[in-house]
């Protein structure tokens, strides 16, 4: 029983390492803390497209990203 459990854990660890190794490196940026964010466009879960500039003048903007949440990717 312990052998199957340990084998499963080891297999999960190997798969995790392989998956992490294939992740692309994040894009390089010259932004510093306190800099203005560049304008960008994203599609929301409601299917609409929003631009950061649409919220200009609002007090706060929160961007929440749920990686692979309810997606096919």
N, C-alpha and C. Protein backbone atom coordinates (compact mmCIF):
# COMPACT_ATOMS: atom_id res chain seq x y z
N UNK A 1 0.82 -1.19 0.00
CA UNK A 1 0.00 0.00 0.00
C UNK A 1 0.86 1.26 0.00
N UNK A 2 1.89 1.27 0.88
CA UNK A 2 2.78 2.43 0.93
C UNK A 2 3.56 2.57 -0.37
N UNK A 3 3.87 1.45 -0.98
CA UNK A 3 4.64 1.49 -2.22
C UNK A 3 3.85 2.19 -3.32
N UNK A 4 2.55 1.88 -3.45
CA UNK A 4 1.71 2.54 -4.45
C UNK A 4 1.60 4.03 -4.16
N UNK A 5 1.47 4.35 -2.88
CA UNK A 5 1.34 5.74 -2.48
C UNK A 5 2.62 6.52 -2.81
N UNK A 6 3.76 5.95 -2.47
CA UNK A 6 5.04 6.60 -2.76
C UNK A 6 5.29 6.70 -4.26
N UNK A 7 4.90 5.69 -5.00
CA UNK A 7 5.05 5.73 -6.45
C UNK A 7 4.19 6.85 -7.05
N UNK A 8 2.98 6.99 -6.54
CA UNK A 8 2.09 8.06 -7.01
C UNK A 8 2.67 9.44 -6.71
N UNK A 9 3.21 9.61 -5.53
CA UNK A 9 3.81 10.89 -5.14
C UNK A 9 5.02 11.19 -6.03
N UNK A 10 5.86 10.19 -6.27
CA UNK A 10 7.05 10.38 -7.10
C UNK A 10 6.65 10.73 -8.53
N UNK A 11 5.65 10.07 -9.06
CA UNK A 11 5.18 10.36 -10.42
C UNK A 11 4.62 11.77 -10.51
N UNK A 12 3.86 12.17 -9.52
CA UNK A 12 3.32 13.53 -9.48
C UNK A 12 4.44 14.56 -9.42
N UNK A 13 5.48 14.29 -8.66
CA UNK A 13 6.61 15.21 -8.57
C UNK A 13 7.32 15.34 -9.91
N UNK A 14 7.53 14.23 -10.60
CA UNK A 14 8.20 14.27 -11.91
C UNK A 14 7.36 15.05 -12.91
N UNK A 15 6.07 14.80 -12.95
CA UNK A 15 5.19 15.51 -13.88
C UNK A 15 5.18 17.01 -13.56
N UNK A 16 5.18 17.37 -12.29
CA UNK A 16 5.19 18.77 -11.90
C UNK A 16 6.47 19.46 -12.34
N UNK A 17 7.60 18.80 -12.14
CA UNK A 17 8.88 19.38 -12.55
C UNK A 17 8.93 19.58 -14.06
N UNK A 18 8.46 18.61 -14.81
CA UNK A 18 8.45 18.72 -16.27
C UNK A 18 7.54 19.87 -16.70
N UNK A 19 6.37 19.98 -16.08
CA UNK A 19 5.43 21.05 -16.44
C UNK A 19 6.02 22.42 -16.12
N UNK A 20 6.66 22.56 -14.98
CA UNK A 20 7.25 23.84 -14.61
C UNK A 20 8.43 24.20 -15.51
N UNK A 21 9.17 23.22 -15.95
CA UNK A 21 10.32 23.47 -16.82
C UNK A 21 9.89 23.99 -18.18
N UNK A 22 8.67 23.69 -18.59
CA UNK A 22 8.18 24.10 -19.91
C UNK A 22 7.51 25.47 -19.89
N UNK A 23 7.39 26.09 -18.73
CA UNK A 23 6.76 27.40 -18.63
C UNK A 23 7.67 28.44 -19.26
N UNK A 24 7.11 29.31 -20.12
CA UNK A 24 7.94 30.36 -20.71
C UNK A 24 8.30 31.40 -19.65
N UNK A 25 9.43 32.03 -19.83
CA UNK A 25 9.82 33.06 -18.88
C UNK A 25 8.94 34.29 -19.07
N UNK A 26 8.68 35.03 -18.00
CA UNK A 26 7.82 36.20 -18.12
C UNK A 26 8.48 37.26 -19.01
N UNK A 27 7.67 38.06 -19.68
CA UNK A 27 8.25 39.08 -20.55
C UNK A 27 9.04 40.10 -19.74
N UNK A 28 10.10 40.60 -20.33
CA UNK A 28 10.92 41.63 -19.69
C UNK A 28 10.18 42.96 -19.78
N UNK A 29 10.31 43.76 -18.75
CA UNK A 29 9.66 45.07 -18.75
C UNK A 29 10.57 46.08 -18.07
N UNK A 30 10.39 47.30 -18.44
CA UNK A 30 11.16 48.38 -17.83
C UNK A 30 10.35 49.09 -16.76
N UNK A 31 9.16 48.57 -16.45
CA UNK A 31 8.31 49.20 -15.45
C UNK A 31 8.91 49.08 -14.07
N UNK A 32 8.76 50.13 -13.31
CA UNK A 32 9.20 50.15 -11.92
C UNK A 32 7.98 50.37 -11.04
N UNK A 33 8.10 50.08 -9.78
CA UNK A 33 7.01 50.32 -8.84
C UNK A 33 6.67 51.81 -8.88
N UNK A 34 5.38 52.09 -9.03
CA UNK A 34 4.92 53.48 -9.09
C UNK A 34 4.74 54.01 -10.50
N UNK A 35 5.28 53.31 -11.52
CA UNK A 35 5.10 53.74 -12.90
C UNK A 35 3.66 53.54 -13.33
N UNK A 36 3.22 54.33 -14.29
CA UNK A 36 1.88 54.13 -14.85
C UNK A 36 1.87 52.85 -15.67
N UNK A 37 0.80 52.11 -15.56
CA UNK A 37 0.67 50.87 -16.33
C UNK A 37 0.38 51.22 -17.79
N UNK A 38 0.96 50.48 -18.72
CA UNK A 38 0.64 50.72 -20.13
C UNK A 38 -0.79 50.29 -20.42
N UNK A 39 -1.40 50.92 -21.41
CA UNK A 39 -2.78 50.55 -21.77
C UNK A 39 -2.76 49.15 -22.38
N UNK A 40 -3.74 48.33 -22.02
CA UNK A 40 -3.85 46.98 -22.56
C UNK A 40 -5.32 46.63 -22.68
N UNK A 41 -5.61 45.62 -23.46
CA UNK A 41 -6.97 45.15 -23.70
C UNK A 41 -7.07 43.69 -23.30
N UNK A 42 -8.14 43.35 -22.59
CA UNK A 42 -8.39 41.97 -22.17
C UNK A 42 -9.85 41.61 -22.40
N UNK A 43 -10.11 40.34 -22.68
CA UNK A 43 -11.47 39.85 -22.79
C UNK A 43 -11.88 39.29 -21.43
N UNK A 44 -13.02 39.72 -20.95
CA UNK A 44 -13.50 39.29 -19.64
C UNK A 44 -14.34 38.03 -19.76
N UNK A 45 -14.71 37.49 -18.61
CA UNK A 45 -15.51 36.27 -18.60
C UNK A 45 -16.90 36.48 -19.16
N UNK A 46 -17.36 37.74 -19.23
CA UNK A 46 -18.66 38.01 -19.81
C UNK A 46 -18.60 38.12 -21.33
N UNK A 47 -17.40 37.93 -21.91
CA UNK A 47 -17.22 37.97 -23.35
C UNK A 47 -16.91 39.35 -23.90
N UNK A 48 -17.06 40.38 -23.08
CA UNK A 48 -16.78 41.74 -23.52
C UNK A 48 -15.28 42.01 -23.44
N UNK A 49 -14.83 42.97 -24.24
CA UNK A 49 -13.44 43.39 -24.23
C UNK A 49 -13.33 44.71 -23.49
N UNK A 50 -12.37 44.78 -22.58
CA UNK A 50 -12.16 45.97 -21.78
C UNK A 50 -10.73 46.46 -21.96
N UNK A 51 -10.57 47.78 -21.98
CA UNK A 51 -9.24 48.38 -22.03
C UNK A 51 -8.99 49.05 -20.69
N UNK A 52 -7.74 49.07 -20.28
CA UNK A 52 -7.40 49.74 -19.03
C UNK A 52 -7.80 51.21 -19.09
N UNK A 53 -7.64 51.82 -20.25
CA UNK A 53 -7.97 53.24 -20.38
C UNK A 53 -9.47 53.51 -20.19
N UNK A 54 -10.32 52.48 -20.32
CA UNK A 54 -11.76 52.65 -20.06
C UNK A 54 -12.02 53.03 -18.61
N UNK A 55 -11.09 52.70 -17.74
CA UNK A 55 -11.27 52.95 -16.31
C UNK A 55 -10.50 54.17 -15.82
N UNK A 56 -9.95 54.94 -16.75
CA UNK A 56 -9.18 56.13 -16.37
C UNK A 56 -10.08 57.09 -15.59
N UNK A 57 -9.58 57.59 -14.49
CA UNK A 57 -10.34 58.49 -13.65
C UNK A 57 -11.08 57.79 -12.53
N UNK A 58 -11.16 56.48 -12.59
CA UNK A 58 -11.75 55.72 -11.49
C UNK A 58 -10.74 55.65 -10.36
N UNK A 59 -11.22 55.44 -9.16
CA UNK A 59 -10.31 55.46 -8.01
C UNK A 59 -9.34 54.27 -8.03
N UNK A 60 -9.85 53.06 -8.18
CA UNK A 60 -9.01 51.85 -8.16
C UNK A 60 -9.45 50.90 -9.25
N UNK A 61 -8.49 50.16 -9.77
CA UNK A 61 -8.76 49.09 -10.73
C UNK A 61 -8.08 47.83 -10.20
N UNK A 62 -8.84 46.75 -10.09
CA UNK A 62 -8.28 45.48 -9.63
C UNK A 62 -8.33 44.50 -10.79
N UNK A 63 -7.21 43.89 -11.08
CA UNK A 63 -7.12 42.89 -12.13
C UNK A 63 -6.86 41.55 -11.47
N UNK A 64 -7.82 40.65 -11.58
CA UNK A 64 -7.68 39.32 -10.98
C UNK A 64 -7.56 38.30 -12.11
N UNK A 65 -6.51 37.51 -12.06
CA UNK A 65 -6.27 36.49 -13.08
C UNK A 65 -6.30 35.13 -12.40
N UNK A 66 -7.17 34.27 -12.87
CA UNK A 66 -7.25 32.90 -12.38
C UNK A 66 -6.71 31.99 -13.47
N UNK A 67 -5.45 31.62 -13.35
CA UNK A 67 -4.80 30.83 -14.38
C UNK A 67 -5.49 29.49 -14.56
N UNK A 68 -5.89 29.21 -15.78
CA UNK A 68 -6.54 27.97 -16.19
C UNK A 68 -7.89 27.71 -15.52
N UNK A 69 -8.48 28.70 -14.90
CA UNK A 69 -9.78 28.52 -14.26
C UNK A 69 -10.86 28.49 -15.32
N UNK A 70 -11.52 27.37 -15.44
CA UNK A 70 -12.64 27.19 -16.37
C UNK A 70 -12.22 27.45 -17.81
N UNK A 71 -10.99 27.12 -18.17
CA UNK A 71 -10.54 27.28 -19.55
C UNK A 71 -10.08 25.92 -20.07
N UNK A 72 -9.94 25.84 -21.35
CA UNK A 72 -9.48 24.61 -21.97
C UNK A 72 -7.95 24.52 -22.01
N UNK A 73 -7.27 25.58 -21.57
CA UNK A 73 -5.80 25.63 -21.72
C UNK A 73 -5.02 25.06 -20.60
